[in-house]
């Protein structure tokens, strides 16, 4: 029972992780060692909306929209609509477990010409799990689930620059309180986190006699306390993340516009070190009973120290730190400001998860509502994404336009 329950819990927590390979024999071999970074509640990093999902998961510096609270809360201050909300649905591992999905609701309201408030709810359903004892006999069934409730505020500090903050409550119930033999009762994990962001949008300028502007954004997200699923048990870092990006928007003529965006991501979480072993492959411990670290740094640190440590603790040195960067590139084309066509690519290094995929999508904008659709194409190399060959949908509503239509 204990062994099976722990395996189920670990499998859900670390869905994006993998076991390390055999330990290298020299410093130069550390770079070839599979060394992924594991966190709790990884659903917080899933692209919740279809627009960004169709553009390779870029979003920190793209033009503001209803879902900016996730990508960069600072963009909310640049929204032109007075208020609106959106609904998104993302199947997950559809080919294996049809019950797993991510649902997302978000909404915003402009307080004045300089400031905007927003809120969102993200719900991740993990299907149904059958718990068994050590002999494999069924004990109970449970449907694990996680959610995050956000509130955000964004304000323009100048015509071109804004800042924003988002606060988040996170709830993660993976076991339903089942008792683990020898480990006591499990419990839901709870945490609070904050996002700190900024956004810059340039004045219009000309490129080959065509109007254009560029933008840049930064969002440091999920800064918060660790999560534990047992009393006094091991605590897990949140997926603290730094996202920086830029975009370029061009108006080709009165009917056609195009934009390009590029994002860089880095988890602000300690990298797993390489632990020392003896000739028989058994762990080596110091006089305090701690396992000796052969390369890297101790990951069992506080949240703030973990953030700063994440920039220089990889066993393979700065080359491995660079390998931890994730890259996204995307493009968006609009015709008559009504029909959108999108595409993108996401890249993660082979030793850090090897996620590589192309994305495509479309958008249709009407007076009151818009519909976005995204589709993920599995890359020829790399780990197969849980979203491969899956359609994602987002509906966006302009409440001011709806109100005006009702008055007519």
Foldseek 3Di string as FASTA:
>chain_A
DQVVVVVQVVCQQFVLADDWDPDDDDLQCLLVIQFADTFGPPVLQDDFAQVCQQFQNDQFADQDDQPNVSNFLQNQLVDPFAKWKKKKKAAFLCVPARFWIKIKIKMKGAPDNFKIKMKMKIKTKDHKDFDDDPVRHTDDMDTWMKMKIKIKMKGDPDPFKIKMKMKMKIKTDRDVQDQRVVQGTWAIWIKMWMKIKMKGKDDWDDDVNWTKIKMKMKIFTGQIFFIDGGVVDDTGHHQTKIKIKMKMKTDPDLFKIKMKMKMKMAGLAATDFAFDADPVRHFDADPVRHTHGPFFDDRPDGRVVSSVSLQAGRRSGNVVSVLRMKMKMKMWMGGNNFKIKMKIWIAHHQSHRFATWIKIWMKGDDQFKIKIKMAIDGDPDGDGGSRHRHIMIMMMGRVVSVVVVVVD
